[in-house]
Amino acid sequence: MNASAGLKMDVAATFSAAADTYEQSADAQRQIAGALAARIAATTLPQHPRILEIGCGTGFLSRELQPHFPNAAWLLTDISERMLTRCKAGFSGDARFMVMDGERPSCATEQFDLICASLSFQWFDDLETALERLSGLLAPGGHLMFATLATDSFREWRDAYPLARAYTSVETLRRFGDVDEERFTREYPDALTFLDHWRQIGAHLPRDGQRPLSPGALRRALRPFETGIAVTYHVAYGHIKR
């Protein structure tokens, strides 16, 4: 097994472990999915659109979109089978569900009028290649619309914790299509609460290929945040048209 495959297995396992706690803990993720859904709802699609969602999680985005596109043919995918099961249980429309690594889609013989993804692209090994690959699945006139974390996300924590993940720049994403961005903060009473929140939503893996800090090193990283931490979400909303 190559390193990339091993990391993807870790991502799948981590999100599967968080499937039961994700819905009640992922407030920022729900907010971002809602903002992306509003952008998608304002886009003109065919009367019976073919929609692929990458990284559907428990279904925040698909549930927001379903009333806007009641006649859609849905393909909802996630790398975690347990997340996909949660999504299936909460989705009211007809859909196909597939366990899939969205970076290497196994539906390459199909075409879609809309491909969408909320906060899944930051887990990709090679986002630029993935965007080209996914764009190739668009039907003529189709749209690839996504929300992903951008460079300044969690900078307060990354300054103290050297193993925290790095994120794609807005400038890089703009090479592919239109991008707008927003920033907002979430506050936590201390860093342990912040880390526990990440575990509950499955987002606590360190930077690719890195082992977690030792207990002593982690305590030193947490020390500046004993009385509270406010972290920045820097979100890029992208729109690639074919």
C-alpha atoms as a PDB file:
ATOM      1  CA  MET A   1       0.000   0.000   0.000  1.00  0.00           C
ATOM      2  CA  ASN A   2       1.388   3.414  -0.927  1.00  0.00           C
ATOM      3  CA  ALA A   3       1.482   6.327   1.520  1.00  0.00           C
ATOM      4  CA  SER A   4      -1.396   8.153  -0.175  1.00  0.00           C
ATOM      5  CA  ALA A   5      -3.679   5.123   0.068  1.00  0.00           C
ATOM      6  CA  GLY A   6      -2.780   4.709   3.719  1.00  0.00           C
ATOM      7  CA  LEU A   7      -3.617   8.331   4.474  1.00  0.00           C
ATOM      8  CA  LYS A   8      -6.969   8.016   2.712  1.00  0.00           C
ATOM      9  CA  MET A   9      -7.741   4.974   4.843  1.00  0.00           C
ATOM     10  CA  ASP A  10      -6.915   7.051   7.925  1.00  0.00           C
ATOM     11  CA  VAL A  11      -9.273   9.816   6.738  1.00  0.00           C
ATOM     12  CA  ALA A  12     -12.061   7.294   6.137  1.00  0.00           C
ATOM     13  CA  ALA A  13     -11.550   5.683   9.542  1.00  0.00           C
ATOM     14  CA  THR A  14     -11.430   9.003  11.376  1.00  0.00           C
ATOM     15  CA  PHE A  15     -14.647  10.282   9.829  1.00  0.00           C
ATOM     16  CA  SER A  16     -16.358   6.926  10.346  1.00  0.00           C
ATOM     17  CA  ALA A  17     -15.488   7.148  14.036  1.00  0.00           C
ATOM     18  CA  ALA A  18     -17.120  10.590  14.167  1.00  0.00           C
ATOM     19  CA  ALA A  19     -20.333   9.628  12.322  1.00  0.00           C
ATOM     20  CA  ASP A  20     -22.404   9.517  15.526  1.00  0.00           C
ATOM     21  CA  THR A  21     -21.220  12.900  16.858  1.00  0.00           C
ATOM     22  CA  TYR A  22     -20.824  14.911  13.660  1.00  0.00           C
ATOM     23  CA  GLU A  23     -24.350  16.326  13.322  1.00  0.00           C
ATOM     24  CA  GLN A  24     -24.504  17.919  16.775  1.00  0.00           C
ATOM     25  CA  SER A  25     -20.916  19.197  16.728  1.00  0.00           C
ATOM     26  CA  ALA A  26     -20.325  20.507  13.194  1.00  0.00           C
ATOM     27  CA  ASP A  27     -21.901  23.960  13.538  1.00  0.00           C
ATOM     28  CA  ALA A  28     -19.369  25.733  11.313  1.00  0.00           C
ATOM     29  CA  GLN A  29     -19.619  22.959   8.730  1.00  0.00           C
ATOM     30  CA  ARG A  30     -23.405  23.316   8.698  1.00  0.00           C
ATOM     31  CA  GLN A  31     -23.060  27.090   8.226  1.00  0.00           C
ATOM     32  CA  ILE A  32     -20.647  26.675   5.312  1.00  0.00           C
ATOM     33  CA  ALA A  33     -22.838  24.055   3.640  1.00  0.00           C
ATOM     34  CA  GLY A  34     -25.773  26.456   3.887  1.00  0.00           C
ATOM     35  CA  ALA A  35     -23.775  29.263   2.304  1.00  0.00           C
ATOM     36  CA  LEU A  36     -22.679  26.983  -0.537  1.00  0.00           C
ATOM     37  CA  ALA A  37     -26.239  25.736  -1.022  1.00  0.00           C
ATOM     38  CA  ALA A  38     -27.471  29.318  -1.416  1.00  0.00           C
ATOM     39  CA  ARG A  39     -24.895  29.906  -4.148  1.00  0.00           C
ATOM     40  CA  ILE A  40     -25.883  26.701  -5.923  1.00  0.00           C
ATOM     41  CA  ALA A  41     -29.616  27.431  -5.649  1.00  0.00           C
ATOM     42  CA  ALA A  42     -29.039  30.708  -7.510  1.00  0.00           C
ATOM     43  CA  THR A  43     -27.454  28.807 -10.424  1.00  0.00           C
ATOM     44  CA  THR A  44     -29.535  27.773 -13.438  1.00  0.00           C
ATOM     45  CA  LEU A  45     -29.587  24.006 -13.923  1.00  0.00           C
ATOM     46  CA  PRO A  46     -31.640  21.797 -16.258  1.00  0.00           C
ATOM     47  CA  GLN A  47     -35.118  20.745 -15.152  1.00  0.00           C
ATOM     48  CA  HIS A  48     -33.840  17.245 -14.339  1.00  0.00           C
ATOM     49  CA  PRO A  49     -30.231  17.879 -13.319  1.00  0.00           C
ATOM     50  CA  ARG A  50     -27.711  15.133 -12.725  1.00  0.00           C
ATOM     51  CA  ILE A  51     -25.979  16.014  -9.440  1.00  0.00           C
ATOM     52  CA  LEU A  52     -22.861  14.453  -7.929  1.00  0.00           C
ATOM     53  CA  GLU A  53     -21.826  15.364  -4.402  1.00  0.00           C
ATOM     54  CA  ILE A  54     -18.276  14.638  -3.281  1.00  0.00           C
ATOM     55  CA  GLY A  55     -17.843  14.017   0.450  1.00  0.00           C
ATOM     56  CA  CYS A  56     -21.511  14.236   1.413  1.00  0.00           C
ATOM     57  CA  GLY A  57     -20.829  13.478   5.080  1.00  0.00           C
ATOM     58  CA  THR A  58     -24.063  13.167   7.033  1.00  0.00           C
ATOM     59  CA  GLY A  59     -25.950  15.230   4.445  1.00  0.00           C
ATOM     60  CA  PHE A  60     -25.815  18.929   5.321  1.00  0.00           C
ATOM     61  CA  LEU A  61     -25.469  20.083   1.711  1.00  0.00           C
ATOM     62  CA  SER A  62     -27.746  17.536   0.031  1.00  0.00           C
ATOM     63  CA  ARG A  63     -30.585  18.239   2.478  1.00  0.00           C
ATOM     64  CA  GLU A  64     -30.275  21.964   1.795  1.00  0.00           C
ATOM     65  CA  LEU A  65     -30.269  21.447  -1.972  1.00  0.00           C
ATOM     66  CA  GLN A  66     -32.967  18.801  -2.359  1.00  0.00           C
ATOM     67  CA  PRO A  67     -35.966  21.206  -2.117  1.00  0.00           C
ATOM     68  CA  HIS A  68     -34.412  23.428  -4.791  1.00  0.00           C
ATOM     69  CA  PHE A  69     -33.896  20.537  -7.224  1.00  0.00           C
ATOM     70  CA  PRO A  70     -36.725  18.056  -6.512  1.00  0.00           C
ATOM     71  CA  ASN A  71     -36.379  16.407  -9.932  1.00  0.00           C
ATOM     72  CA  ALA A  72     -32.650  15.822  -9.720  1.00  0.00           C
ATOM     73  CA  ALA A  73     -30.885  12.506 -10.260  1.00  0.00           C
ATOM     74  CA  TRP A  74     -28.563  12.380  -7.241  1.00  0.00           C
ATOM     75  CA  LEU A  75     -25.310  10.507  -6.736  1.00  0.00           C
ATOM     76  CA  LEU A  76     -24.123  11.102  -3.172  1.00  0.00           C
ATOM     77  CA  THR A  77     -20.641   9.872  -2.310  1.00  0.00           C
ATOM     78  CA  ASP A  78     -18.264   9.791   0.630  1.00  0.00           C
ATOM     79  CA  ILE A  79     -15.024   8.034   1.495  1.00  0.00           C
ATOM     80  CA  SER A  80     -16.581   6.898   4.807  1.00  0.00           C
ATOM     81  CA  GLU A  81     -19.266   4.209   4.612  1.00  0.00           C
ATOM     82  CA  ARG A  82     -20.667   5.170   8.025  1.00  0.00           C
ATOM     83  CA  MET A  83     -21.004   8.820   7.015  1.00  0.00           C
ATOM     84  CA  LEU A  84     -22.748   7.701   3.828  1.00  0.00           C
ATOM     85  CA  THR A  85     -25.157   5.562   5.859  1.00  0.00           C
ATOM     86  CA  ARG A  86     -26.013   8.606   7.992  1.00  0.00           C
ATOM     87  CA  CYS A  87     -26.608  10.681   4.880  1.00  0.00           C
ATOM     88  CA  LYS A  88     -28.868   8.012   3.372  1.00  0.00           C
ATOM     89  CA  ALA A  89     -30.985   7.867   6.526  1.00  0.00           C
ATOM     90  CA  GLY A  90     -31.624  11.619   6.469  1.00  0.00           C
ATOM     91  CA  PHE A  91     -32.154  12.218   2.754  1.00  0.00           C
ATOM     92  CA  SER A  92     -35.789  12.424   1.657  1.00  0.00           C
ATOM     93  CA  GLY A  93     -35.352  12.125  -2.110  1.00  0.00           C
ATOM     94  CA  ASP A  94     -34.371   9.312  -4.427  1.00  0.00           C
ATOM     95  CA  ALA A  95     -30.622   8.950  -4.771  1.00  0.00           C
ATOM     96  CA  ARG A  96     -27.790   6.579  -5.416  1.00  0.00           C
ATOM     97  CA  PHE A  97     -25.160   6.298  -2.690  1.00  0.00           C
ATOM     98  CA  MET A  98     -21.561   5.270  -3.310  1.00  0.00           C
ATOM     99  CA  VAL A  99     -18.480   4.876  -1.138  1.00  0.00           C
ATOM    100  CA  MET A 100     -15.865   6.712  -3.175  1.00  0.00           C
ATOM    101  CA  ASP A 101     -12.648   8.694  -2.947  1.00  0.00           C
ATOM    102  CA  GLY A 102     -13.735  11.919  -4.623  1.00  0.00           C
ATOM    103  CA  GLU A 103     -10.173  12.645  -5.679  1.00  0.00           C
ATOM    104  CA  ARG A 104     -10.242   9.517  -7.850  1.00  0.00           C
ATOM    105  CA  PRO A 105     -13.912   9.172  -8.837  1.00  0.00           C
ATOM    106  CA  SER A 106     -15.139   5.731  -9.852  1.00  0.00           C
ATOM    107  CA  CYS A 107     -18.026   7.213 -11.855  1.00  0.00           C
ATOM    108  CA  ALA A 108     -15.803   8.442 -14.687  1.00  0.00           C
ATOM    109  CA  THR A 109     -18.154   7.155 -17.404  1.00  0.00           C
ATOM    110  CA  GLU A 110     -20.950   9.511 -16.279  1.00  0.00           C
ATOM    111  CA  GLN A 111     -21.551  13.220 -16.839  1.00  0.00           C
ATOM    112  CA  PHE A 112     -23.136  15.658 -14.407  1.00  0.00           C
ATOM    113  CA  ASP A 113     -24.831  19.038 -14.629  1.00  0.00           C
ATOM    114  CA  LEU A 114     -23.614  19.861 -11.113  1.00  0.00           C
ATOM    115  CA  ILE A 115     -20.742  18.516  -9.067  1.00  0.00           C
ATOM    116  CA  CYS A 116     -20.662  19.945  -5.556  1.00  0.00           C
ATOM    117  CA  ALA A 117     -18.565  19.516  -2.432  1.00  0.00           C
ATOM    118  CA  SER A 118     -18.585  21.214   0.958  1.00  0.00           C
ATOM    119  CA  LEU A 119     -15.383  20.952   3.002  1.00  0.00           C
ATOM    120  CA  SER A 120     -14.031  17.806   1.425  1.00  0.00           C
ATOM    121  CA  PHE A 121     -11.393  19.161  -0.966  1.00  0.00           C
ATOM    122  CA  GLN A 122      -8.968  20.093   1.831  1.00  0.00           C
ATOM    123  CA  TRP A 123      -8.441  16.353   2.378  1.00  0.00           C
ATOM    124  CA  PHE A 124      -7.223  15.770  -1.177  1.00  0.00           C
ATOM    125  CA  ASP A 125      -3.563  14.952  -1.862  1.00  0.00           C
ATOM    126  CA  ASP A 126      -3.438  16.895  -5.142  1.00  0.00           C
ATOM    127  CA  LEU A 127      -6.332  19.328  -5.368  1.00  0.00           C
ATOM    128  CA  GLU A 128      -5.291  20.877  -8.680  1.00  0.00           C
ATOM    129  CA  THR A 129      -5.253  17.518 -10.474  1.00  0.00           C
ATOM    130  CA  ALA A 130      -8.528  16.573  -8.785  1.00  0.00           C
ATOM    131  CA  LEU A 131     -10.214  19.759  -9.994  1.00  0.00           C
ATOM    132  CA  GLU A 132      -9.159  18.992 -13.549  1.00  0.00           C
ATOM    133  CA  ARG A 133     -10.395  15.414 -13.209  1.00  0.00           C
ATOM    134  CA  LEU A 134     -13.755  16.420 -11.740  1.00  0.00           C
ATOM    135  CA  SER A 135     -14.222  19.180 -14.303  1.00  0.00           C
ATOM    136  CA  GLY A 136     -13.900  16.471 -16.935  1.00  0.00           C
ATOM    137  CA  LEU A 137     -17.057  14.823 -15.544  1.00  0.00           C
ATOM    138  CA  LEU A 138     -19.169  17.912 -16.231  1.00  0.00           C
ATOM    139  CA  ALA A 139     -21.718  17.857 -19.023  1.00  0.00           C
ATOM    140  CA  PRO A 140     -21.579  20.796 -21.448  1.00  0.00           C
ATOM    141  CA  GLY A 141     -22.814  23.836 -19.526  1.00  0.00           C
ATOM    142  CA  GLY A 142     -22.206  22.048 -16.216  1.00  0.00           C
ATOM    143  CA  HIS A 143     -20.999  23.548 -12.929  1.00  0.00           C
ATOM    144  CA  LEU A 144     -18.464  22.446 -10.312  1.00  0.00           C
ATOM    145  CA  MET A 145     -19.235  24.367  -7.113  1.00  0.00           C
ATOM    146  CA  PHE A 146     -17.452  23.847  -3.817  1.00  0.00           C
ATOM    147  CA  ALA A 147     -16.459  25.227  -0.442  1.00  0.00           C
ATOM    148  CA  THR A 148     -13.013  24.454   0.928  1.00  0.00           C
ATOM    149  CA  LEU A 149     -10.758  25.758   3.667  1.00  0.00           C
ATOM    150  CA  ALA A 150      -8.189  28.304   2.501  1.00  0.00           C
ATOM    151  CA  THR A 151      -4.786  29.505   3.671  1.00  0.00           C
ATOM    152  CA  ASP A 152      -5.663  31.437   6.846  1.00  0.00           C
ATOM    153  CA  SER A 153      -7.863  28.737   8.373  1.00  0.00           C
ATOM    154  CA  PHE A 154      -6.956  27.984  12.003  1.00  0.00           C
ATOM    155  CA  ARG A 155      -3.832  30.161  11.757  1.00  0.00           C
ATOM    156  CA  GLU A 156      -4.003  30.796  15.525  1.00  0.00           C
ATOM    157  CA  TRP A 157      -3.671  27.079  16.182  1.00  0.00           C
ATOM    158  CA  ARG A 158      -1.181  26.395  13.383  1.00  0.00           C
ATOM    159  CA  ASP A 159       1.180  29.003  14.841  1.00  0.00           C
ATOM    160  CA  ALA A 160       1.424  26.864  17.979  1.00  0.00           C
ATOM    161  CA  TYR A 161       0.928  23.371  16.557  1.00  0.00           C
ATOM    162  CA  PRO A 162       3.424  22.695  13.755  1.00  0.00           C
ATOM    163  CA  LEU A 163       1.673  19.509  12.604  1.00  0.00           C
ATOM    164  CA  ALA A 164      -1.610  21.216  11.781  1.00  0.00           C
ATOM    165  CA  ARG A 165      -2.748  20.869   8.178  1.00  0.00           C
ATOM    166  CA  ALA A 166      -1.963  23.533   5.588  1.00  0.00           C
ATOM    167  CA  TYR A 167      -4.626  24.743   3.155  1.00  0.00           C
ATOM    168  CA  THR A 168      -4.806  25.839  -0.483  1.00  0.00           C
ATOM    169  CA  SER A 169      -4.536  29.501  -1.383  1.00  0.00           C
ATOM    170  CA  VAL A 170      -7.406  31.400  -2.977  1.00  0.00           C
ATOM    171  CA  GLU A 171      -4.991  32.488  -5.704  1.00  0.00           C
ATOM    172  CA  THR A 172      -4.376  28.860  -6.680  1.00  0.00           C
ATOM    173  CA  LEU A 173      -8.107  28.143  -6.859  1.00  0.00           C
ATOM    174  CA  ARG A 174      -8.724  31.202  -9.020  1.00  0.00           C
ATOM    175  CA  ARG A 175      -6.659  29.621 -11.770  1.00  0.00           C
ATOM    176  CA  PHE A 176      -9.578  27.242 -12.308  1.00  0.00           C
ATOM    177  CA  GLY A 177     -12.621  29.497 -11.993  1.00  0.00           C
ATOM    178  CA  ASP A 178     -14.444  32.116  -9.956  1.00  0.00           C
ATOM    179  CA  VAL A 179     -13.736  32.191  -6.221  1.00  0.00           C
ATOM    180  CA  ASP A 180     -15.039  34.351  -3.423  1.00  0.00           C
ATOM    181  CA  GLU A 181     -14.028  34.046   0.199  1.00  0.00           C
ATOM    182  CA  GLU A 182     -15.166  34.749   3.734  1.00  0.00           C
ATOM    183  CA  ARG A 183     -13.664  34.658   7.205  1.00  0.00           C
ATOM    184  CA  PHE A 184     -15.365  34.048  10.523  1.00  0.00           C
ATOM    185  CA  THR A 185     -14.251  32.879  13.948  1.00  0.00           C
ATOM    186  CA  ARG A 186     -15.314  30.293  16.486  1.00  0.00           C
ATOM    187  CA  GLU A 187     -14.382  30.617  20.162  1.00  0.00           C
ATOM    188  CA  TYR A 188     -13.549  27.815  22.579  1.00  0.00           C
ATOM    189  CA  PRO A 189     -12.901  28.106  26.353  1.00  0.00           C
ATOM    190  CA  ASP A 190      -9.580  26.302  25.992  1.00  0.00           C
ATOM    191  CA  ALA A 191      -7.580  24.361  23.436  1.00  0.00           C
ATOM    192  CA  LEU A 192      -8.609  20.973  24.823  1.00  0.00           C
ATOM    193  CA  THR A 193     -12.236  21.822  24.085  1.00  0.00           C
ATOM    194  CA  PHE A 194     -11.191  22.908  20.610  1.00  0.00           C
ATOM    195  CA  LEU A 195      -9.341  19.618  19.997  1.00  0.00           C
ATOM    196  CA  ASP A 196     -12.260  17.609  21.371  1.00  0.00           C
ATOM    197  CA  HIS A 197     -14.549  19.432  18.943  1.00  0.00           C
ATOM    198  CA  TRP A 198     -12.261  18.414  16.065  1.00  0.00           C
ATOM    199  CA  ARG A 199     -12.363  14.789  17.204  1.00  0.00           C
ATOM    200  CA  GLN A 200     -16.166  14.843  17.299  1.00  0.00           C
ATOM    201  CA  ILE A 201     -16.284  15.915  13.637  1.00  0.00           C
ATOM    202  CA  GLY A 202     -13.390  13.703  12.499  1.00  0.00           C
ATOM    203  CA  ALA A 203     -11.078  16.555  11.503  1.00  0.00           C
ATOM    204  CA  HIS A 204      -8.161  16.029  13.895  1.00  0.00           C
ATOM    205  CA  LEU A 205      -5.643  14.192  11.707  1.00  0.00           C
ATOM    206  CA  PRO A 206      -2.199  15.868  11.657  1.00  0.00           C
ATOM    207  CA  ARG A 207      -0.442  16.993   8.512  1.00  0.00           C
ATOM    208  CA  ASP A 208      -0.008  14.213   5.960  1.00  0.00           C
ATOM    209  CA  GLY A 209       2.663  11.715   6.891  1.00  0.00           C
ATOM    210  CA  GLN A 210       3.289  13.186  10.364  1.00  0.00           C
ATOM    211  CA  ARG A 211       2.903  11.471  13.705  1.00  0.00           C
ATOM    212  CA  PRO A 212       0.984  13.294  16.451  1.00  0.00           C
ATOM    213  CA  LEU A 213       3.029  15.264  18.989  1.00  0.00           C
ATOM    214  CA  SER A 214       4.166  13.533  22.145  1.00  0.00           C
ATOM    215  CA  PRO A 215       2.052  14.286  25.245  1.00  0.00           C
ATOM    216  CA  GLY A 216       4.681  16.706  26.542  1.00  0.00           C
ATOM    217  CA  ALA A 217       5.002  18.572  23.255  1.00  0.00           C
ATOM    218  CA  LEU A 218       1.214  18.759  22.945  1.00  0.00           C
ATOM    219  CA  ARG A 219       0.936  20.233  26.455  1.00  0.00           C
ATOM    220  CA  ARG A 220       3.449  22.924  25.502  1.00  0.00           C
ATOM    221  CA  ALA A 221       1.486  23.705  22.335  1.00  0.00           C
ATOM    222  CA  LEU A 222      -1.734  23.999  24.341  1.00  0.00           C
ATOM    223  CA  ARG A 223      -0.286  26.226  27.083  1.00  0.00           C
ATOM    224  CA  PRO A 224      -0.940  29.609  25.359  1.00  0.00           C
ATOM    225  CA  PHE A 225      -4.641  28.711  25.067  1.00  0.00           C
ATOM    226  CA  GLU A 226      -5.399  27.707  28.649  1.00  0.00           C
ATOM    227  CA  THR A 227      -7.828  30.611  29.038  1.00  0.00           C
ATOM    228  CA  GLY A 228      -9.431  30.386  25.605  1.00  0.00           C
ATOM    229  CA  ILE A 229      -8.854  30.282  21.875  1.00  0.00           C
ATOM    230  CA  ALA A 230     -10.609  31.904  18.932  1.00  0.00           C
ATOM    231  CA  VAL A 231      -9.850  30.282  15.584  1.00  0.00           C
ATOM    232  CA  THR A 232     -10.390  31.618  12.093  1.00  0.00           C
ATOM    233  CA  TYR A 233     -12.276  29.825   9.363  1.00  0.00           C
ATOM    234  CA  HIS A 234     -11.105  31.094   5.974  1.00  0.00           C
ATOM    235  CA  VAL A 235     -13.494  29.630   3.409  1.00  0.00           C
ATOM    236  CA  ALA A 236     -13.130  29.718  -0.374  1.00  0.00           C
ATOM    237  CA  TYR A 237     -16.283  29.234  -2.458  1.00  0.00           C
ATOM    238  CA  GLY A 238     -15.344  28.122  -5.959  1.00  0.00           C
ATOM    239  CA  HIS A 239     -17.333  27.930  -9.181  1.00  0.00           C
ATOM    240  CA  ILE A 240     -15.918  26.247 -12.271  1.00  0.00           C
ATOM    241  CA  LYS A 241     -18.069  26.299 -15.394  1.00  0.00           C
ATOM    242  CA  ARG A 242     -17.793  24.109 -18.440  1.00  0.00           C
END
